[in-house]
Amino acid sequence: MKKTLEQLCQIGGISGREGAIRGKIISLLPKSCKYDVDALGNLIVRKCAEKSPKNKIMLSAHMDEVGMIVTFIEKDGSLRFSRVGGIDPAVLVGRVVSVNGTSAKRC
């Protein structure tokens, strides 16, 4: 379970771009599960059983994460960006980021 969670956490999926993480979760579902993807991209999974259980539970989680979107590339290669999701700008200072899965190198 820990290894699976680590794999899922390594897949990028900012708000509005959760397709890769959703696809990985779907690939991990056992055959006894049925799933639907709604118009907003939410993944709804139901575990099928032969008999209706006495009790039912619901697990709910986010697939997306906060991130940034590149809005402009300067002539010198510097990137301008906007925040996606509720990220505090103060936590961005001095951070190494990944652009399309490629990590930037520190100067």
PDB file of N, CA and C in Angstrom:
ATOM      1  N   MET A   1       0.821  -1.188   0.000  1.00  0.00           N
ATOM      2  CA  MET A   1       0.000   0.000   0.000  1.00  0.00           C
ATOM      3  C   MET A   1       0.872   1.262   0.000  1.00  0.00           C
ATOM      4  N   LYS A   2       1.943   1.260   0.805  1.00  0.00           N
ATOM      5  CA  LYS A   2       2.826   2.420   0.879  1.00  0.00           C
ATOM      6  C   LYS A   2       3.489   2.681  -0.470  1.00  0.00           C
ATOM      7  N   LYS A   3       3.932   1.618  -1.141  1.00  0.00           N
ATOM      8  CA  LYS A   3       4.578   1.760  -2.449  1.00  0.00           C
ATOM      9  C   LYS A   3       3.603   2.339  -3.473  1.00  0.00           C
ATOM     10  N   THR A   4       2.368   1.872  -3.439  1.00  0.00           N
ATOM     11  CA  THR A   4       1.348   2.387  -4.361  1.00  0.00           C
ATOM     12  C   THR A   4       1.090   3.861  -4.099  1.00  0.00           C
ATOM     13  N   LEU A   5       0.977   4.239  -2.837  1.00  0.00           N
ATOM     14  CA  LEU A   5       0.757   5.635  -2.484  1.00  0.00           C
ATOM     15  C   LEU A   5       1.927   6.499  -2.932  1.00  0.00           C
ATOM     16  N   GLU A   6       3.145   6.009  -2.775  1.00  0.00           N
ATOM     17  CA  GLU A   6       4.323   6.746  -3.233  1.00  0.00           C
ATOM     18  C   GLU A   6       4.278   6.948  -4.747  1.00  0.00           C
ATOM     19  N   GLN A   7       3.894   5.908  -5.488  1.00  0.00           N
ATOM     20  CA  GLN A   7       3.781   6.014  -6.948  1.00  0.00           C
ATOM     21  C   GLN A   7       2.751   7.072  -7.335  1.00  0.00           C
ATOM     22  N   LEU A   8       1.600   7.040  -6.676  1.00  0.00           N
ATOM     23  CA  LEU A   8       0.539   7.998  -6.987  1.00  0.00           C
ATOM     24  C   LEU A   8       0.979   9.428  -6.676  1.00  0.00           C
ATOM     25  N   CYS A   9       1.721   9.609  -5.602  1.00  0.00           N
ATOM     26  CA  CYS A   9       2.172  10.951  -5.207  1.00  0.00           C
ATOM     27  C   CYS A   9       3.218  11.512  -6.161  1.00  0.00           C
ATOM     28  N   GLN A  10       3.881  10.678  -6.930  1.00  0.00           N
ATOM     29  CA  GLN A  10       4.903  11.126  -7.874  1.00  0.00           C
ATOM     30  C   GLN A  10       4.318  11.601  -9.205  1.00  0.00           C
ATOM     31  N   ILE A  11       3.039  11.350  -9.428  1.00  0.00           N
ATOM     32  CA  ILE A  11       2.401  11.730 -10.684  1.00  0.00           C
ATOM     33  C   ILE A  11       1.882  13.151 -10.551  1.00  0.00           C
ATOM     34  N   GLY A  12       2.314  14.023 -11.457  1.00  0.00           N
ATOM     35  CA  GLY A  12       1.842  15.408 -11.431  1.00  0.00           C
ATOM     36  C   GLY A  12       0.387  15.492 -11.862  1.00  0.00           C
ATOM     37  N   GLY A  13      -0.330  16.402 -11.265  1.00  0.00           N
ATOM     38  CA  GLY A  13      -1.726  16.587 -11.635  1.00  0.00           C
ATOM     39  C   GLY A  13      -2.292  17.850 -11.008  1.00  0.00           C
ATOM     40  N   ILE A  14      -1.908  19.020 -11.582  1.00  0.00           N
ATOM     41  CA  ILE A  14      -2.452  20.256 -11.024  1.00  0.00           C
ATOM     42  C   ILE A  14      -3.934  20.360 -11.374  1.00  0.00           C
ATOM     43  N   SER A  15      -4.621  21.234 -10.690  1.00  0.00           N
ATOM     44  CA  SER A  15      -6.062  21.416 -10.894  1.00  0.00           C
ATOM     45  C   SER A  15      -6.376  21.609 -12.374  1.00  0.00           C
ATOM     46  N   GLY A  16      -7.290  20.813 -12.876  1.00  0.00           N
ATOM     47  CA  GLY A  16      -7.683  20.864 -14.280  1.00  0.00           C
ATOM     48  C   GLY A  16      -6.873  19.953 -15.182  1.00  0.00           C
ATOM     49  N   ARG A  17      -5.805  19.342 -14.675  1.00  0.00           N
ATOM     50  CA  ARG A  17      -4.928  18.468 -15.468  1.00  0.00           C
ATOM     51  C   ARG A  17      -4.658  17.168 -14.723  1.00  0.00           C
ATOM     52  N   GLU A  18      -5.744  16.541 -14.234  1.00  0.00           N
ATOM     53  CA  GLU A  18      -5.610  15.345 -13.401  1.00  0.00           C
ATOM     54  C   GLU A  18      -5.656  14.038 -14.202  1.00  0.00           C
ATOM     55  N   GLY A  19      -5.627  14.117 -15.530  1.00  0.00           N
ATOM     56  CA  GLY A  19      -5.791  12.938 -16.369  1.00  0.00           C
ATOM     57  C   GLY A  19      -4.806  11.813 -16.089  1.00  0.00           C
ATOM     58  N   ALA A  20      -3.543  12.142 -15.880  1.00  0.00           N
ATOM     59  CA  ALA A  20      -2.526  11.108 -15.647  1.00  0.00           C
ATOM     60  C   ALA A  20      -2.766  10.370 -14.333  1.00  0.00           C
ATOM     61  N   ILE A  21      -3.078  11.118 -13.293  1.00  0.00           N
ATOM     62  CA  ILE A  21      -3.313  10.482 -11.997  1.00  0.00           C
ATOM     63  C   ILE A  21      -4.603   9.664 -12.037  1.00  0.00           C
ATOM     64  N   ARG A  22      -5.625  10.196 -12.698  1.00  0.00           N
ATOM     65  CA  ARG A  22      -6.878   9.458 -12.820  1.00  0.00           C
ATOM     66  C   ARG A  22      -6.651   8.141 -13.577  1.00  0.00           C
ATOM     67  N   GLY A  23      -5.883   8.196 -14.659  1.00  0.00           N
ATOM     68  CA  GLY A  23      -5.590   6.993 -15.430  1.00  0.00           C
ATOM     69  C   GLY A  23      -4.843   5.940 -14.621  1.00  0.00           C
ATOM     70  N   LYS A  24      -3.892   6.383 -13.800  1.00  0.00           N
ATOM     71  CA  LYS A  24      -3.138   5.442 -12.964  1.00  0.00           C
ATOM     72  C   LYS A  24      -4.055   4.787 -11.938  1.00  0.00           C
ATOM     73  N   ILE A  25      -4.924   5.579 -11.307  1.00  0.00           N
ATOM     74  CA  ILE A  25      -5.856   5.008 -10.331  1.00  0.00           C
ATOM     75  C   ILE A  25      -6.751   3.982 -11.003  1.00  0.00           C
ATOM     76  N   ILE A  26      -7.262   4.300 -12.181  1.00  0.00           N
ATOM     77  CA  ILE A  26      -8.123   3.362 -12.910  1.00  0.00           C
ATOM     78  C   ILE A  26      -7.373   2.068 -13.207  1.00  0.00           C
ATOM     79  N   SER A  27      -6.090   2.182 -13.586  1.00  0.00           N
ATOM     80  CA  SER A  27      -5.316   0.976 -13.909  1.00  0.00           C
ATOM     81  C   SER A  27      -5.094   0.089 -12.685  1.00  0.00           C
ATOM     82  N   LEU A  28      -5.179   0.658 -11.506  1.00  0.00           N
ATOM     83  CA  LEU A  28      -4.964  -0.104 -10.270  1.00  0.00           C
ATOM     84  C   LEU A  28      -6.250  -0.718  -9.706  1.00  0.00           C
ATOM     85  N   LEU A  29      -7.392  -0.375 -10.271  1.00  0.00           N
ATOM     86  CA  LEU A  29      -8.661  -0.881  -9.739  1.00  0.00           C
ATOM     87  C   LEU A  29      -8.806  -2.377  -9.995  1.00  0.00           C
ATOM     88  N   PRO A  30      -9.278  -3.110  -9.006  1.00  0.00           N
ATOM     89  CA  PRO A  30      -9.556  -4.527  -9.240  1.00  0.00           C
ATOM     90  C   PRO A  30     -10.760  -4.692 -10.167  1.00  0.00           C
ATOM     91  N   LYS A  31     -10.876  -5.854 -10.774  1.00  0.00           N
ATOM     92  CA  LYS A  31     -11.971  -6.132 -11.724  1.00  0.00           C
ATOM     93  C   LYS A  31     -13.349  -6.017 -11.071  1.00  0.00           C
ATOM     94  N   SER A  32     -13.409  -6.174  -9.755  1.00  0.00           N
ATOM     95  CA  SER A  32     -14.698  -6.121  -9.056  1.00  0.00           C
ATOM     96  C   SER A  32     -15.203  -4.690  -8.870  1.00  0.00           C
ATOM     97  N   CYS A  33     -14.458  -3.707  -9.362  1.00  0.00           N
ATOM     98  CA  CYS A  33     -14.875  -2.311  -9.236  1.00  0.00           C
ATOM     99  C   CYS A  33     -15.377  -1.776 -10.570  1.00  0.00           C
ATOM    100  N   LYS A  34     -16.394  -0.980 -10.497  1.00  0.00           N
ATOM    101  CA  LYS A  34     -16.918  -0.267 -11.660  1.00  0.00           C
ATOM    102  C   LYS A  34     -16.652   1.208 -11.422  1.00  0.00           C
ATOM    103  N   TYR A  35     -16.369   1.961 -12.493  1.00  0.00           N
ATOM    104  CA  TYR A  35     -16.074   3.378 -12.307  1.00  0.00           C
ATOM    105  C   TYR A  35     -16.722   4.222 -13.400  1.00  0.00           C
ATOM    106  N   ASP A  36     -16.895   5.491 -13.070  1.00  0.00           N
ATOM    107  CA  ASP A  36     -17.377   6.498 -14.011  1.00  0.00           C
ATOM    108  C   ASP A  36     -16.533   7.741 -13.813  1.00  0.00           C
ATOM    109  N   VAL A  37     -16.403   8.524 -14.868  1.00  0.00           N
ATOM    110  CA  VAL A  37     -15.768   9.831 -14.786  1.00  0.00           C
ATOM    111  C   VAL A  37     -16.845  10.838 -15.155  1.00  0.00           C
ATOM    112  N   ASP A  38     -17.129  11.779 -14.245  1.00  0.00           N
ATOM    113  CA  ASP A  38     -18.194  12.738 -14.524  1.00  0.00           C
ATOM    114  C   ASP A  38     -17.671  13.896 -15.378  1.00  0.00           C
ATOM    115  N   ALA A  39     -18.555  14.841 -15.688  1.00  0.00           N
ATOM    116  CA  ALA A  39     -18.217  15.953 -16.578  1.00  0.00           C
ATOM    117  C   ALA A  39     -17.103  16.843 -16.024  1.00  0.00           C
ATOM    118  N   LEU A  40     -16.911  16.852 -14.723  1.00  0.00           N
ATOM    119  CA  LEU A  40     -15.854  17.659 -14.121  1.00  0.00           C
ATOM    120  C   LEU A  40     -14.546  16.899 -13.963  1.00  0.00           C
ATOM    121  N   GLY A  41     -14.525  15.624 -14.370  1.00  0.00           N
ATOM    122  CA  GLY A  41     -13.310  14.819 -14.272  1.00  0.00           C
ATOM    123  C   GLY A  41     -13.187  14.028 -12.995  1.00  0.00           C
ATOM    124  N   ASN A  42     -14.208  14.083 -12.136  1.00  0.00           N
ATOM    125  CA  ASN A  42     -14.175  13.300 -10.900  1.00  0.00           C
ATOM    126  C   ASN A  42     -14.274  11.818 -11.214  1.00  0.00           C
ATOM    127  N   LEU A  43     -13.518  11.025 -10.502  1.00  0.00           N
ATOM    128  CA  LEU A  43     -13.534   9.573 -10.648  1.00  0.00           C
ATOM    129  C   LEU A  43     -14.422   9.000  -9.550  1.00  0.00           C
ATOM    130  N   ILE A  44     -15.476   8.311  -9.952  1.00  0.00           N
ATOM    131  CA  ILE A  44     -16.421   7.719  -9.004  1.00  0.00           C
ATOM    132  C   ILE A  44     -16.315   6.209  -9.153  1.00  0.00           C
ATOM    133  N   VAL A  45     -15.898   5.543  -8.071  1.00  0.00           N
ATOM    134  CA  VAL A  45     -15.647   4.097  -8.106  1.00  0.00           C
ATOM    135  C   VAL A  45     -16.608   3.400  -7.157  1.00  0.00           C
ATOM    136  N   ARG A  46     -17.152   2.284  -7.613  1.00  0.00           N
ATOM    137  CA  ARG A  46     -18.027   1.451  -6.782  1.00  0.00           C
ATOM    138  C   ARG A  46     -17.471   0.035  -6.773  1.00  0.00           C
ATOM    139  N   LYS A  47     -17.357  -0.521  -5.587  1.00  0.00           N
ATOM    140  CA  LYS A  47     -16.925  -1.915  -5.453  1.00  0.00           C
ATOM    141  C   LYS A  47     -18.160  -2.782  -5.511  1.00  0.00           C
ATOM    142  N   CYS A  48     -18.194  -3.675  -6.438  1.00  0.00           N
ATOM    143  CA  CYS A  48     -19.354  -4.550  -6.624  1.00  0.00           C
ATOM    144  C   CYS A  48     -19.226  -5.781  -5.734  1.00  0.00           C
ATOM    145  N   ALA A  49     -20.344  -6.203  -5.196  1.00  0.00           N
ATOM    146  CA  ALA A  49     -20.380  -7.390  -4.341  1.00  0.00           C
ATOM    147  C   ALA A  49     -21.591  -8.230  -4.720  1.00  0.00           C
ATOM    148  N   GLU A  50     -21.539  -9.511  -4.365  1.00  0.00           N
ATOM    149  CA  GLU A  50     -22.669 -10.394  -4.671  1.00  0.00           C
ATOM    150  C   GLU A  50     -23.895 -10.033  -3.847  1.00  0.00           C
ATOM    151  N   LYS A  51     -23.657  -9.659  -2.588  1.00  0.00           N
ATOM    152  CA  LYS A  51     -24.756  -9.275  -1.707  1.00  0.00           C
ATOM    153  C   LYS A  51     -24.586  -7.819  -1.291  1.00  0.00           C
ATOM    154  N   SER A  52     -25.698  -7.171  -1.019  1.00  0.00           N
ATOM    155  CA  SER A  52     -25.655  -5.800  -0.537  1.00  0.00           C
ATOM    156  C   SER A  52     -25.144  -5.794   0.907  1.00  0.00           C
ATOM    157  N   PRO A  53     -24.125  -4.990   1.205  1.00  0.00           N
ATOM    158  CA  PRO A  53     -23.567  -4.994   2.558  1.00  0.00           C
ATOM    159  C   PRO A  53     -24.508  -4.325   3.562  1.00  0.00           C
ATOM    160  N   LYS A  54     -24.357  -4.719   4.802  1.00  0.00           N
ATOM    161  CA  LYS A  54     -25.153  -4.135   5.878  1.00  0.00           C
ATOM    162  C   LYS A  54     -24.792  -2.649   6.045  1.00  0.00           C
ATOM    163  N   ASN A  55     -23.504  -2.368   6.022  1.00  0.00           N
ATOM    164  CA  ASN A  55     -23.021  -0.995   6.164  1.00  0.00           C
ATOM    165  C   ASN A  55     -22.264  -0.592   4.904  1.00  0.00           C
ATOM    166  N   LYS A  56     -22.295   0.696   4.606  1.00  0.00           N
ATOM    167  CA  LYS A  56     -21.565   1.222   3.465  1.00  0.00           C
ATOM    168  C   LYS A  56     -20.630   2.320   3.956  1.00  0.00           C
ATOM    169  N   ILE A  57     -19.501   2.445   3.266  1.00  0.00           N
ATOM    170  CA  ILE A  57     -18.580   3.532   3.580  1.00  0.00           C
ATOM    171  C   ILE A  57     -18.248   4.278   2.297  1.00  0.00           C
ATOM    172  N   MET A  58     -17.830   5.519   2.469  1.00  0.00           N
ATOM    173  CA  MET A  58     -17.392   6.313   1.330  1.00  0.00           C
ATOM    174  C   MET A  58     -16.005   6.854   1.648  1.00  0.00           C
ATOM    175  N   LEU A  59     -15.093   6.719   0.705  1.00  0.00           N
ATOM    176  CA  LEU A  59     -13.765   7.321   0.818  1.00  0.00           C
ATOM    177  C   LEU A  59     -13.705   8.452  -0.204  1.00  0.00           C
ATOM    178  N   SER A  60     -13.209   9.576   0.210  1.00  0.00           N
ATOM    179  CA  SER A  60     -13.139  10.734  -0.664  1.00  0.00           C
ATOM    180  C   SER A  60     -11.749  11.349  -0.561  1.00  0.00           C
ATOM    181  N   ALA A  61     -11.180  11.730  -1.702  1.00  0.00           N
ATOM    182  CA  ALA A  61      -9.848  12.334  -1.711  1.00  0.00           C
ATOM    183  C   ALA A  61      -9.697  13.208  -2.950  1.00  0.00           C
ATOM    184  N   HIS A  62      -8.727  14.090  -2.909  1.00  0.00           N
ATOM    185  CA  HIS A  62      -8.408  14.927  -4.060  1.00  0.00           C
ATOM    186  C   HIS A  62      -7.375  14.226  -4.930  1.00  0.00           C
ATOM    187  N   MET A  63      -7.527  14.336  -6.237  1.00  0.00           N
ATOM    188  CA  MET A  63      -6.512  13.844  -7.159  1.00  0.00           C
ATOM    189  C   MET A  63      -5.562  14.969  -7.544  1.00  0.00           C
ATOM    190  N   ASP A  64      -6.023  16.195  -7.453  1.00  0.00           N
ATOM    191  CA  ASP A  64      -5.219  17.315  -7.941  1.00  0.00           C
ATOM    192  C   ASP A  64      -4.325  17.897  -6.851  1.00  0.00           C
ATOM    193  N   GLU A  65      -3.443  18.769  -7.304  1.00  0.00           N
ATOM    194  CA  GLU A  65      -2.535  19.454  -6.399  1.00  0.00           C
ATOM    195  C   GLU A  65      -2.360  20.887  -6.894  1.00  0.00           C
ATOM    196  N   VAL A  66      -1.883  21.748  -6.016  1.00  0.00           N
ATOM    197  CA  VAL A  66      -1.624  23.117  -6.437  1.00  0.00           C
ATOM    198  C   VAL A  66      -0.420  23.129  -7.359  1.00  0.00           C
ATOM    199  N   GLY A  67      -0.322  24.149  -8.175  1.00  0.00           N
ATOM    200  CA  GLY A  67       0.792  24.241  -9.104  1.00  0.00           C
ATOM    201  C   GLY A  67       0.838  25.612  -9.750  1.00  0.00           C
ATOM    202  N   MET A  68       1.483  25.691 -10.879  1.00  0.00           N
ATOM    203  CA  MET A  68       1.612  26.953 -11.604  1.00  0.00           C
ATOM    204  C   MET A  68       1.433  26.686 -13.086  1.00  0.00           C
ATOM    205  N   ILE A  69       1.102  27.751 -13.811  1.00  0.00           N
ATOM    206  CA  ILE A  69       0.996  27.654 -15.259  1.00  0.00           C
ATOM    207  C   ILE A  69       1.890  28.735 -15.867  1.00  0.00           C
ATOM    208  N   VAL A  70       2.708  28.340 -16.839  1.00  0.00           N
ATOM    209  CA  VAL A  70       3.597  29.294 -17.509  1.00  0.00           C
ATOM    210  C   VAL A  70       2.726  30.188 -18.385  1.00  0.00           C
ATOM    211  N   THR A  71       2.873  31.503 -18.193  1.00  0.00           N
ATOM    212  CA  THR A  71       2.079  32.460 -18.963  1.00  0.00           C
ATOM    213  C   THR A  71       2.901  33.196 -20.011  1.00  0.00           C
ATOM    214  N   PHE A  72       4.238  33.194 -19.849  1.00  0.00           N
ATOM    215  CA  PHE A  72       5.083  33.901 -20.813  1.00  0.00           C
ATOM    216  C   PHE A  72       6.520  33.418 -20.659  1.00  0.00           C
ATOM    217  N   ILE A  73       7.228  33.330 -21.764  1.00  0.00           N
ATOM    218  CA  ILE A  73       8.655  32.990 -21.748  1.00  0.00           C
ATOM    219  C   ILE A  73       9.426  34.204 -22.235  1.00  0.00           C
ATOM    220  N   GLU A  74      10.304  34.723 -21.385  1.00  0.00           N
ATOM    221  CA  GLU A  74      11.114  35.895 -21.727  1.00  0.00           C
ATOM    222  C   GLU A  74      12.202  35.512 -22.731  1.00  0.00           C
ATOM    223  N   LYS A  75      12.792  36.494 -23.376  1.00  0.00           N
ATOM    224  CA  LYS A  75      13.860  36.255 -24.349  1.00  0.00           C
ATOM    225  C   LYS A  75      15.057  35.545 -23.728  1.00  0.00           C
ATOM    226  N   ASP A  76      15.318  35.801 -22.425  1.00  0.00           N
ATOM    227  CA  ASP A  76      16.456  35.165 -21.750  1.00  0.00           C
ATOM    228  C   ASP A  76      16.111  33.772 -21.222  1.00  0.00           C
ATOM    229  N   GLY A  77      14.882  33.302 -21.471  1.00  0.00           N
ATOM    230  CA  GLY A  77      14.471  31.976 -21.021  1.00  0.00           C
ATOM    231  C   GLY A  77      13.754  31.967 -19.681  1.00  0.00           C
ATOM    232  N   SER A  78      13.703  33.105 -19.020  1.00  0.00           N
ATOM    233  CA  SER A  78      12.969  33.188 -17.754  1.00  0.00           C
ATOM    234  C   SER A  78      11.481  32.968 -18.000  1.00  0.00           C
ATOM    235  N   LEU A  79      10.835  32.387 -17.017  1.00  0.00           N
ATOM    236  CA  LEU A  79       9.409  32.089 -17.147  1.00  0.00           C
ATOM    237  C   LEU A  79       8.581  33.005 -16.264  1.00  0.00           C
ATOM    238  N   ARG A  80       7.478  33.464 -16.806  1.00  0.00           N
ATOM    239  CA  ARG A  80       6.471  34.138 -15.999  1.00  0.00           C
ATOM    240  C   ARG A  80       5.382  33.106 -15.773  1.00  0.00           C
ATOM    241  N   PHE A  81       4.769  33.160 -14.616  1.00  0.00           N
ATOM    242  CA  PHE A  81       3.757  32.149 -14.317  1.00  0.00           C
ATOM    243  C   PHE A  81       2.666  32.703 -13.435  1.00  0.00           C
ATOM    244  N   SER A  82       1.559  31.992 -13.406  1.00  0.00           N
ATOM    245  CA  SER A  82       0.442  32.276 -12.509  1.00  0.00           C
ATOM    246  C   SER A  82       0.188  31.040 -11.669  1.00  0.00           C
ATOM    247  N   ARG A  83      -0.377  31.259 -10.497  1.00  0.00           N
ATOM    248  CA  ARG A  83      -0.683  30.144  -9.595  1.00  0.00           C
ATOM    249  C   ARG A  83      -1.956  29.428 -10.039  1.00  0.00           C
ATOM    250  N   VAL A  84      -1.981  28.121  -9.846  1.00  0.00           N
ATOM    251  CA  VAL A  84      -3.168  27.294 -10.091  1.00  0.00           C
ATOM    252  C   VAL A  84      -3.499  26.617  -8.767  1.00  0.00           C
ATOM    253  N   GLY A  85      -4.684  26.876  -8.246  1.00  0.00           N
ATOM    254  CA  GLY A  85      -5.041  26.332  -6.945  1.00  0.00           C
ATOM    255  C   GLY A  85      -4.622  27.286  -5.843  1.00  0.00           C
ATOM    256  N   GLY A  86      -4.889  26.913  -4.630  1.00  0.00           N
ATOM    257  CA  GLY A  86      -4.663  27.783  -3.482  1.00  0.00           C
ATOM    258  C   GLY A  86      -3.265  27.715  -2.921  1.00  0.00           C
ATOM    259  N   ILE A  87      -2.274  28.120  -3.681  1.00  0.00           N
ATOM    260  CA  ILE A  87      -0.893  28.076  -3.205  1.00  0.00           C
ATOM    261  C   ILE A  87      -0.472  29.464  -2.705  1.00  0.00           C
ATOM    262  N   ASP A  88       0.164  29.504  -1.563  1.00  0.00           N
ATOM    263  CA  ASP A  88       0.644  30.741  -0.961  1.00  0.00           C
ATOM    264  C   ASP A  88       1.931  31.162  -1.675  1.00  0.00           C
ATOM    265  N   PRO A  89       1.976  32.365  -2.259  1.00  0.00           N
ATOM    266  CA  PRO A  89       3.180  32.798  -2.980  1.00  0.00           C
ATOM    267  C   PRO A  89       4.448  32.777  -2.122  1.00  0.00           C
ATOM    268  N   ALA A  90       4.320  32.929  -0.825  1.00  0.00           N
ATOM    269  CA  ALA A  90       5.487  32.954   0.048  1.00  0.00           C
ATOM    270  C   ALA A  90       6.242  31.624   0.044  1.00  0.00           C
ATOM    271  N   VAL A  91       5.578  30.526  -0.239  1.00  0.00           N
ATOM    272  CA  VAL A  91       6.262  29.227  -0.225  1.00  0.00           C
ATOM    273  C   VAL A  91       7.017  28.952  -1.527  1.00  0.00           C
ATOM    274  N   LEU A  92       6.861  29.824  -2.509  1.00  0.00           N
ATOM    275  CA  LEU A  92       7.493  29.601  -3.811  1.00  0.00           C
ATOM    276  C   LEU A  92       8.930  30.127  -3.885  1.00  0.00           C
ATOM    277  N   VAL A  93       9.266  31.068  -3.038  1.00  0.00           N
ATOM    278  CA  VAL A  93      10.584  31.721  -3.099  1.00  0.00           C
ATOM    279  C   VAL A  93      11.698  30.695  -2.890  1.00  0.00           C
ATOM    280  N   GLY A  94      12.621  30.650  -3.839  1.00  0.00           N
ATOM    281  CA  GLY A  94      13.788  29.773  -3.722  1.00  0.00           C
ATOM    282  C   GLY A  94      13.529  28.306  -3.984  1.00  0.00           C
ATOM    283  N   ARG A  95      12.365  27.954  -4.478  1.00  0.00           N
ATOM    284  CA  ARG A  95      12.031  26.546  -4.728  1.00  0.00           C
ATOM    285  C   ARG A  95      12.477  26.098  -6.115  1.00  0.00           C
ATOM    286  N   VAL A  96      12.936  24.861  -6.203  1.00  0.00           N
ATOM    287  CA  VAL A  96      13.183  24.229  -7.493  1.00  0.00           C
ATOM    288  C   VAL A  96      11.846  23.691  -7.963  1.00  0.00           C
ATOM    289  N   VAL A  97      11.521  23.938  -9.215  1.00  0.00           N
ATOM    290  CA  VAL A  97      10.229  23.509  -9.746  1.00  0.00           C
ATOM    291  C   VAL A  97      10.414  22.542 -10.898  1.00  0.00           C
ATOM    292  N   SER A  98       9.341  21.907 -11.256  1.00  0.00           N
ATOM    293  CA  SER A  98       9.314  20.996 -12.396  1.00  0.00           C
ATOM    294  C   SER A  98       8.407  21.607 -13.457  1.00  0.00           C
ATOM    295  N   VAL A  99       8.898  21.677 -14.694  1.00  0.00           N
ATOM    296  CA  VAL A  99       8.098  22.188 -15.815  1.00  0.00           C
ATOM    297  C   VAL A  99       7.872  21.020 -16.756  1.00  0.00           C
ATOM    298  N   ASN A 100       6.615  20.613 -16.892  1.00  0.00           N
ATOM    299  CA  ASN A 100       6.262  19.454 -17.722  1.00  0.00           C
ATOM    300  C   ASN A 100       7.080  18.233 -17.342  1.00  0.00           C
ATOM    301  N   GLY A 101       7.307  18.044 -16.047  1.00  0.00           N
ATOM    302  CA  GLY A 101       7.997  16.857 -15.561  1.00  0.00           C
ATOM    303  C   GLY A 101       9.509  16.946 -15.545  1.00  0.00           C
ATOM    304  N   THR A 102      10.083  18.048 -16.027  1.00  0.00           N
ATOM    305  CA  THR A 102      11.529  18.215 -16.034  1.00  0.00           C
ATOM    306  C   THR A 102      11.917  19.208 -14.947  1.00  0.00           C
ATOM    307  N   SER A 103      12.720  18.762 -13.993  1.00  0.00           N
ATOM    308  CA  SER A 103      13.137  19.634 -12.895  1.00  0.00           C
ATOM    309  C   SER A 103      14.192  20.620 -13.367  1.00  0.00           C
ATOM    310  N   ALA A 104      14.066  21.850 -12.904  1.00  0.00           N
ATOM    311  CA  ALA A 104      15.052  22.876 -13.213  1.00  0.00           C
ATOM    312  C   ALA A 104      16.316  22.629 -12.411  1.00  0.00           C
ATOM    313  N   LYS A 105      17.449  23.044 -12.950  1.00  0.00           N
ATOM    314  CA  LYS A 105      18.706  22.926 -12.227  1.00  0.00           C
ATOM    315  C   LYS A 105      19.001  24.252 -11.552  1.00  0.00           C
ATOM    316  N   ARG A 106      19.527  24.153 -10.338  1.00  0.00           N
ATOM    317  CA  ARG A 106      19.899  25.381  -9.628  1.00  0.00           C
ATOM    318  C   ARG A 106      21.125  26.000 -10.277  1.00  0.00           C
ATOM    319  N   CYS A 107      21.154  27.320 -10.281  1.00  0.00           N
ATOM    320  CA  CYS A 107      22.302  28.060 -10.848  1.00  0.00           C
ATOM    321  C   CYS A 107      23.435  28.138  -9.847  1.00  0.00           C
TER     322      CYS A 107
END
